[in-house]
């Protein structure tokens, strides 16, 4: 039996790779990139879970001091 994962991600590898491809096709001077709404939501939910897990472990400090 394999160990339980620490964090289950919402973002699929396909979404992750597509976001990187989209970024790579964007000019370095661009301020905005158009991505699929669902992929953005998944990345934000994954980030939230990661921050929560790190806070619980006492291993996070954000730039705003919280």
PDB file of N, CA and C in Angstrom:
ATOM      1  N   UNK A   1       0.838  -1.184   0.000  1.00  0.00           N
ATOM      2  CA  UNK A   1       0.000   0.000   0.000  1.00  0.00           C
ATOM      3  C   UNK A   1       0.883   1.248   0.000  1.00  0.00           C
ATOM      4  N   UNK A   2       0.605   2.158  -0.909  1.00  0.00           N
ATOM      5  CA  UNK A   2       1.406   3.374  -1.001  1.00  0.00           C
ATOM      6  C   UNK A   2       0.940   4.390   0.034  1.00  0.00           C
ATOM      7  N   UNK A   3       1.862   5.245   0.491  1.00  0.00           N
ATOM      8  CA  UNK A   3       1.491   6.243   1.494  1.00  0.00           C
ATOM      9  C   UNK A   3       0.506   7.273   0.932  1.00  0.00           C
ATOM     10  N   UNK A   4      -0.304   7.812   1.806  1.00  0.00           N
ATOM     11  CA  UNK A   4      -1.279   8.844   1.416  1.00  0.00           C
ATOM     12  C   UNK A   4      -0.542  10.117   1.018  1.00  0.00           C
ATOM     13  N   UNK A   5      -0.933  10.761  -0.074  1.00  0.00           N
ATOM     14  CA  UNK A   5      -0.249  11.994  -0.474  1.00  0.00           C
ATOM     15  C   UNK A   5      -0.481  13.112   0.535  1.00  0.00           C
ATOM     16  N   UNK A   6       0.488  14.001   0.679  1.00  0.00           N
ATOM     17  CA  UNK A   6       0.355  15.132   1.589  1.00  0.00           C
ATOM     18  C   UNK A   6      -0.674  16.132   1.084  1.00  0.00           C
ATOM     19  N   UNK A   7      -0.665  16.366  -0.229  1.00  0.00           N
ATOM     20  CA  UNK A   7      -1.588  17.317  -0.843  1.00  0.00           C
ATOM     21  C   UNK A   7      -2.113  16.709  -2.135  1.00  0.00           C
ATOM     22  N   UNK A   8      -3.417  16.776  -2.318  1.00  0.00           N
ATOM     23  CA  UNK A   8      -4.017  16.339  -3.574  1.00  0.00           C
ATOM     24  C   UNK A   8      -4.247  17.581  -4.434  1.00  0.00           C
ATOM     25  N   UNK A   9      -3.695  17.575  -5.634  1.00  0.00           N
ATOM     26  CA  UNK A   9      -3.775  18.739  -6.511  1.00  0.00           C
ATOM     27  C   UNK A   9      -5.041  18.735  -7.354  1.00  0.00           C
ATOM     28  N   UNK A  10      -5.559  19.933  -7.588  1.00  0.00           N
ATOM     29  CA  UNK A  10      -6.689  20.114  -8.496  1.00  0.00           C
ATOM     30  C   UNK A  10      -6.192  20.217  -9.941  1.00  0.00           C
ATOM     31  N   UNK A  11      -5.021  20.796 -10.139  1.00  0.00           N
ATOM     32  CA  UNK A  11      -4.473  21.027 -11.468  1.00  0.00           C
ATOM     33  C   UNK A  11      -3.999  19.714 -12.070  1.00  0.00           C
ATOM     34  N   UNK A  12      -4.472  19.423 -13.274  1.00  0.00           N
ATOM     35  CA  UNK A  12      -3.994  18.232 -13.975  1.00  0.00           C
ATOM     36  C   UNK A  12      -2.649  18.549 -14.621  1.00  0.00           C
ATOM     37  N   UNK A  13      -1.886  17.532 -14.948  1.00  0.00           N
ATOM     38  CA  UNK A  13      -0.606  17.749 -15.625  1.00  0.00           C
ATOM     39  C   UNK A  13      -0.840  18.408 -16.980  1.00  0.00           C
ATOM     40  N   UNK A  14      -1.921  18.057 -17.642  1.00  0.00           N
ATOM     41  CA  UNK A  14      -2.252  18.662 -18.935  1.00  0.00           C
ATOM     42  C   UNK A  14      -2.479  20.165 -18.782  1.00  0.00           C
ATOM     43  N   UNK A  15      -3.246  20.566 -17.766  1.00  0.00           N
ATOM     44  CA  UNK A  15      -3.472  21.993 -17.503  1.00  0.00           C
ATOM     45  C   UNK A  15      -2.153  22.697 -17.184  1.00  0.00           C
ATOM     46  N   UNK A  16      -1.350  22.064 -16.341  1.00  0.00           N
ATOM     47  CA  UNK A  16      -0.069  22.629 -15.929  1.00  0.00           C
ATOM     48  C   UNK A  16       0.833  22.860 -17.137  1.00  0.00           C
ATOM     49  N   UNK A  17       0.944  21.859 -17.994  1.00  0.00           N
ATOM     50  CA  UNK A  17       1.779  21.972 -19.187  1.00  0.00           C
ATOM     51  C   UNK A  17       1.227  23.019 -20.145  1.00  0.00           C
ATOM     52  N   UNK A  18      -0.099  23.071 -20.291  1.00  0.00           N
ATOM     53  CA  UNK A  18      -0.714  24.068 -21.168  1.00  0.00           C
ATOM     54  C   UNK A  18      -0.434  25.490 -20.661  1.00  0.00           C
ATOM     55  N   UNK A  19      -0.500  25.706 -19.352  1.00  0.00           N
ATOM     56  CA  UNK A  19      -0.202  27.026 -18.786  1.00  0.00           C
ATOM     57  C   UNK A  19       1.247  27.422 -19.063  1.00  0.00           C
ATOM     58  N   UNK A  20       2.166  26.466 -18.944  1.00  0.00           N
ATOM     59  CA  UNK A  20       3.568  26.762 -19.253  1.00  0.00           C
ATOM     60  C   UNK A  20       3.750  27.068 -20.741  1.00  0.00           C
ATOM     61  N   UNK A  21       3.082  26.308 -21.587  1.00  0.00           N
ATOM     62  CA  UNK A  21       3.169  26.573 -23.026  1.00  0.00           C
ATOM     63  C   UNK A  21       2.617  27.960 -23.348  1.00  0.00           C
ATOM     64  N   UNK A  22       1.514  28.315 -22.715  1.00  0.00           N
ATOM     65  CA  UNK A  22       0.901  29.622 -22.945  1.00  0.00           C
ATOM     66  C   UNK A  22       1.855  30.732 -22.511  1.00  0.00           C
ATOM     67  N   UNK A  23       2.494  30.537 -21.380  1.00  0.00           N
ATOM     68  CA  UNK A  23       3.465  31.514 -20.893  1.00  0.00           C
ATOM     69  C   UNK A  23       4.648  31.628 -21.860  1.00  0.00           C
ATOM     70  N   UNK A  24       5.140  30.508 -22.350  1.00  0.00           N
ATOM     71  CA  UNK A  24       6.286  30.505 -23.261  1.00  0.00           C
ATOM     72  C   UNK A  24       5.990  31.215 -24.576  1.00  0.00           C
ATOM     73  N   UNK A  25       4.724  31.228 -24.993  1.00  0.00           N
ATOM     74  CA  UNK A  25       4.342  31.867 -26.253  1.00  0.00           C
ATOM     75  C   UNK A  25       4.052  33.361 -26.090  1.00  0.00           C
ATOM     76  N   UNK A  26       4.196  33.877 -24.901  1.00  0.00           N
ATOM     77  CA  UNK A  26       3.874  35.277 -24.623  1.00  0.00           C
ATOM     78  C   UNK A  26       5.144  36.122 -24.641  1.00  0.00           C
ATOM     79  N   UNK A  27       5.031  37.305 -25.184  1.00  0.00           N
ATOM     80  CA  UNK A  27       6.182  38.213 -25.215  1.00  0.00           C
ATOM     81  C   UNK A  27       6.579  38.614 -23.802  1.00  0.00           C
ATOM     82  N   UNK A  28       7.856  38.821 -23.615  1.00  0.00           N
ATOM     83  CA  UNK A  28       8.347  39.182 -22.278  1.00  0.00           C
ATOM     84  C   UNK A  28       7.842  40.552 -21.831  1.00  0.00           C
ATOM     85  N   UNK A  29       7.417  41.384 -22.764  1.00  0.00           N
ATOM     86  CA  UNK A  29       6.923  42.718 -22.414  1.00  0.00           C
ATOM     87  C   UNK A  29       5.422  42.732 -22.121  1.00  0.00           C
ATOM     88  N   UNK A  30       4.756  41.602 -22.323  1.00  0.00           N
ATOM     89  CA  UNK A  30       3.307  41.539 -22.084  1.00  0.00           C
ATOM     90  C   UNK A  30       3.007  41.582 -20.599  1.00  0.00           C
ATOM     91  N   UNK A  31       1.952  42.309 -20.235  1.00  0.00           N
ATOM     92  CA  UNK A  31       1.510  42.368 -18.841  1.00  0.00           C
ATOM     93  C   UNK A  31       0.426  41.347 -18.562  1.00  0.00           C
ATOM     94  N   UNK A  32      -0.263  40.869 -19.592  1.00  0.00           N
ATOM     95  CA  UNK A  32      -1.395  39.973 -19.402  1.00  0.00           C
ATOM     96  C   UNK A  32      -1.255  38.731 -20.278  1.00  0.00           C
ATOM     97  N   UNK A  33      -1.749  37.617 -19.752  1.00  0.00           N
ATOM     98  CA  UNK A  33      -1.810  36.363 -20.496  1.00  0.00           C
ATOM     99  C   UNK A  33      -3.225  35.841 -20.361  1.00  0.00           C
ATOM    100  N   UNK A  34      -3.809  35.410 -21.459  1.00  0.00           N
ATOM    101  CA  UNK A  34      -5.155  34.842 -21.417  1.00  0.00           C
ATOM    102  C   UNK A  34      -5.036  33.334 -21.231  1.00  0.00           C
ATOM    103  N   UNK A  35      -5.663  32.835 -20.159  1.00  0.00           N
ATOM    104  CA  UNK A  35      -5.653  31.390 -19.876  1.00  0.00           C
ATOM    105  C   UNK A  35      -7.080  30.948 -19.581  1.00  0.00           C
ATOM    106  N   UNK A  36      -7.285  29.641 -19.613  1.00  0.00           N
ATOM    107  CA  UNK A  36      -8.602  29.113 -19.293  1.00  0.00           C
ATOM    108  C   UNK A  36      -8.928  29.385 -17.833  1.00  0.00           C
ATOM    109  N   UNK A  37     -10.145  29.799 -17.604  1.00  0.00           N
ATOM    110  CA  UNK A  37     -10.605  30.149 -16.254  1.00  0.00           C
ATOM    111  C   UNK A  37     -10.446  28.977 -15.288  1.00  0.00           C
ATOM    112  N   UNK A  38     -10.827  27.782 -15.708  1.00  0.00           N
ATOM    113  CA  UNK A  38     -10.767  26.603 -14.849  1.00  0.00           C
ATOM    114  C   UNK A  38      -9.323  26.287 -14.443  1.00  0.00           C
ATOM    115  N   UNK A  39      -8.380  26.451 -15.376  1.00  0.00           N
ATOM    116  CA  UNK A  39      -6.978  26.190 -15.054  1.00  0.00           C
ATOM    117  C   UNK A  39      -6.480  27.186 -14.006  1.00  0.00           C
ATOM    118  N   UNK A  40      -6.862  28.458 -14.141  1.00  0.00           N
ATOM    119  CA  UNK A  40      -6.481  29.469 -13.161  1.00  0.00           C
ATOM    120  C   UNK A  40      -7.067  29.142 -11.793  1.00  0.00           C
ATOM    121  N   UNK A  41      -8.327  28.757 -11.758  1.00  0.00           N
ATOM    122  CA  UNK A  41      -8.978  28.387 -10.492  1.00  0.00           C
ATOM    123  C   UNK A  41      -8.247  27.217  -9.852  1.00  0.00           C
ATOM    124  N   UNK A  42      -7.878  26.211 -10.649  1.00  0.00           N
ATOM    125  CA  UNK A  42      -7.174  25.043 -10.102  1.00  0.00           C
ATOM    126  C   UNK A  42      -5.811  25.429  -9.531  1.00  0.00           C
ATOM    127  N   UNK A  43      -5.085  26.283 -10.224  1.00  0.00           N
ATOM    128  CA  UNK A  43      -3.781  26.737  -9.723  1.00  0.00           C
ATOM    129  C   UNK A  43      -3.948  27.495  -8.396  1.00  0.00           C
ATOM    130  N   UNK A  44      -4.965  28.355  -8.323  1.00  0.00           N
ATOM    131  CA  UNK A  44      -5.203  29.114  -7.085  1.00  0.00           C
ATOM    132  C   UNK A  44      -5.600  28.184  -5.937  1.00  0.00           C
ATOM    133  N   UNK A  45      -6.426  27.191  -6.208  1.00  0.00           N
ATOM    134  CA  UNK A  45      -6.824  26.245  -5.152  1.00  0.00           C
ATOM    135  C   UNK A  45      -5.623  25.418  -4.698  1.00  0.00           C
ATOM    136  N   UNK A  46      -4.757  25.008  -5.645  1.00  0.00           N
ATOM    137  CA  UNK A  46      -3.551  24.270  -5.270  1.00  0.00           C
ATOM    138  C   UNK A  46      -2.628  25.134  -4.419  1.00  0.00           C
ATOM    139  N   UNK A  47      -2.478  26.389  -4.789  1.00  0.00           N
ATOM    140  CA  UNK A  47      -1.626  27.302  -4.020  1.00  0.00           C
ATOM    141  C   UNK A  47      -2.172  27.464  -2.603  1.00  0.00           C
ATOM    142  N   UNK A  48      -3.473  27.595  -2.496  1.00  0.00           N
ATOM    143  CA  UNK A  48      -4.108  27.738  -1.190  1.00  0.00           C
ATOM    144  C   UNK A  48      -3.852  26.511  -0.320  1.00  0.00           C
ATOM    145  N   UNK A  49      -3.983  25.333  -0.891  1.00  0.00           N
ATOM    146  CA  UNK A  49      -3.719  24.093  -0.140  1.00  0.00           C
ATOM    147  C   UNK A  49      -2.259  24.000   0.280  1.00  0.00           C
ATOM    148  N   UNK A  50      -1.357  24.383  -0.605  1.00  0.00           N
ATOM    149  CA  UNK A  50       0.063  24.339  -0.295  1.00  0.00           C
ATOM    150  C   UNK A  50       0.402  25.291   0.848  1.00  0.00           C
ATOM    151  N   UNK A  51      -0.103  26.512   0.779  1.00  0.00           N
ATOM    152  CA  UNK A  51       0.150  27.492   1.840  1.00  0.00           C
ATOM    153  C   UNK A  51      -0.418  27.000   3.164  1.00  0.00           C
ATOM    154  N   UNK A  52      -1.622  26.438   3.140  1.00  0.00           N
ATOM    155  CA  UNK A  52      -2.234  25.916   4.360  1.00  0.00           C
ATOM    156  C   UNK A  52      -1.387  24.791   4.967  1.00  0.00           C
ATOM    157  N   UNK A  53      -0.917  23.877   4.128  1.00  0.00           N
ATOM    158  CA  UNK A  53      -0.087  22.768   4.615  1.00  0.00           C
ATOM    159  C   UNK A  53       1.225  23.289   5.200  1.00  0.00           C
ATOM    160  N   UNK A  54       1.826  24.263   4.558  1.00  0.00           N
ATOM    161  CA  UNK A  54       3.071  24.829   5.069  1.00  0.00           C
ATOM    162  C   UNK A  54       2.855  25.608   6.363  1.00  0.00           C
ATOM    163  N   UNK A  55       1.736  26.315   6.455  1.00  0.00           N
ATOM    164  CA  UNK A  55       1.421  27.028   7.710  1.00  0.00           C
ATOM    165  C   UNK A  55       1.269  26.043   8.859  1.00  0.00           C
ATOM    166  N   UNK A  56       0.547  24.949   8.614  1.00  0.00           N
ATOM    167  CA  UNK A  56       0.346  23.938   9.660  1.00  0.00           C
ATOM    168  C   UNK A  56       1.675  23.352  10.117  1.00  0.00           C
ATOM    169  N   UNK A  57       2.638  23.284   9.196  1.00  0.00           N
ATOM    170  CA  UNK A  57       3.959  22.754   9.535  1.00  0.00           C
ATOM    171  C   UNK A  57       4.880  23.843  10.088  1.00  0.00           C
ATOM    172  N   UNK A  58       4.383  25.084  10.143  1.00  0.00           N
ATOM    173  CA  UNK A  58       5.191  26.187  10.642  1.00  0.00           C
ATOM    174  C   UNK A  58       6.318  26.562   9.701  1.00  0.00           C
ATOM    175  N   UNK A  59       6.112  26.352   8.405  1.00  0.00           N
ATOM    176  CA  UNK A  59       7.186  26.556   7.429  1.00  0.00           C
ATOM    177  C   UNK A  59       6.863  27.626   6.389  1.00  0.00           C
ATOM    178  N   UNK A  60       6.021  28.591   6.715  1.00  0.00           N
ATOM    179  CA  UNK A  60       5.702  29.607   5.726  1.00  0.00           C
ATOM    180  C   UNK A  60       5.667  30.993   6.355  1.00  0.00           C
ATOM    181  N   UNK A  61       6.125  31.955   5.586  1.00  0.00           N
ATOM    182  CA  UNK A  61       6.015  33.365   5.963  1.00  0.00           C
ATOM    183  C   UNK A  61       5.831  34.115   4.653  1.00  0.00           C
ATOM    184  N   UNK A  62       4.774  34.913   4.561  1.00  0.00           N
ATOM    185  CA  UNK A  62       4.512  35.642   3.321  1.00  0.00           C
ATOM    186  C   UNK A  62       5.193  37.006   3.367  1.00  0.00           C
ATOM    187  N   UNK A  63       5.262  37.639   2.232  1.00  0.00           N
ATOM    188  CA  UNK A  63       5.940  38.930   2.143  1.00  0.00           C
ATOM    189  C   UNK A  63       5.219  40.005   2.917  1.00  0.00           C
ATOM    190  N   UNK A  64       3.903  39.831   3.145  1.00  0.00           N
ATOM    191  CA  UNK A  64       3.155  40.844   3.893  1.00  0.00           C
ATOM    192  C   UNK A  64       3.206  40.591   5.402  1.00  0.00           C
ATOM    193  N   UNK A  65       3.991  39.585   5.813  1.00  0.00           N
ATOM    194  CA  UNK A  65       4.200  39.317   7.224  1.00  0.00           C
ATOM    195  C   UNK A  65       3.206  38.357   7.869  1.00  0.00           C
ATOM    196  N   UNK A  66       2.194  37.913   7.117  1.00  0.00           N
ATOM    197  CA  UNK A  66       1.207  36.996   7.724  1.00  0.00           C
ATOM    198  C   UNK A  66       1.623  35.560   7.570  1.00  0.00           C
TER     199      UNK A  66
END
